């Protein structure tokens, strides 16, 4: 693992460039203006320079009348004080308008992610905005009917032809009218949300509200497993944030006090990261098998890697390794298919260059995913070996009077991995005596 630019490796500050997809680039090579690595930003700047020169030459060809002094108006420059844009968003269920907000484009970049896609390092265009935590602002909410969904889908829930929004909306309205328990749950989750100063408790409420609305469809086959899997995963990340960040952790007591209130209306509500990740893995497994949106080869292996990452975060190493193997196997098959298609391209046809470019990008992305799966598998195996070795050494310490063969048999019976047992109990080699005959 070395930085492809300088050859060094910064364990605490490295990122994957979203433009060239190179991994482990040192943080010092990050361009905050273009949100890419310095190599890519240099290319972008050069392209812009050439474009400006071309435009300048074009303007010089035309005769322009200079404006009079009284026609010139001073430009008012407003200082940016907030990273958000505010919008009166129309609710797709009831049609009423509520003000919601999200971050301006390119306000921050995702510098470093965990194996299950959680962002653990952000790059901010303005360092003053580091105090904001983007995952807290993921959901938009209607203050009229209480409908809640991601900011990506709130305004245009039918953008995908396979969307189940109409079913969700109908079920939500029926439940609110006929199911007192569900209506009480929605009322509880939508009360006392701090929209002006979003905190973890308010975001937890919005996450649960969005999940409850998606799950209000009684027939599980009609639910959106990909959306629910992602929402449960994001919900689990909030608990991880509060567990790993001391400042965020100060808000955990208020969340722990609130969850029992929810349980009165929703018995199975997750109250910790591991439980939430379990629901996420379950729904995403279903999505992998049936969800129509997972149709490209890159999307398939990427989803498998995310599921593997979820199991890894749950400390289910066996399942994690199983899915890592699936990533590698499917990834290799997909690479072979793409390479075949690249060889078969007819360069005389119109559009062949575009097709070649798209396939090359897919090939590169799959390569990155497979490489990460291999690296993670190696890390898991090394960690498992260390843990097994520590257990075995404790057992061996009590078996000093036994032969290596006997110790090995006892270790295997006690559940120690066979490879570890064999490595720790080598046969004693007999000395060979050299003689004349």
Foldseek 3Di string as FASTA:
>chain_A
DAAPPPRHADPVAWFQFPPPRDGRHGNVQADLVVRGGVVVVVVVVVVVVVVVVVVVVVVVVDDDDDDDPVVDDDDDDDDDDDQKDWDQAQAPQPRHTDIAIAGDPSQKYQGDAFLLGHRDDIGGSDVVPPVDDRLLRQKDFDPPLGAIDGPVCRRPVPPDVLGLVVVLSVLSVCCCVPPPLLVVLSVLLPPPQDRVDHALSNSLSRLVNNLSSQPSRPPPVSGQLQRNLVSLQSSLVLQVCLVPPVVNVVCLVVLQVSVVVSCVSPVQDDSHNLSSLVSSLVSLVVCLVDPPVQDDLLSNLSSLSSSLSSCVVNVVPVVSLVSLVVSLVSLVVNLVVLVVVLVPQDVVDPCSVVVNVVSVVSNVSSVSSNVVSVVVNVVSVVVLLVVLLVVLVVVVVVVVVDALVVSLVVSVVVPRDNVSSCVVRDHDDDDDDDDPD
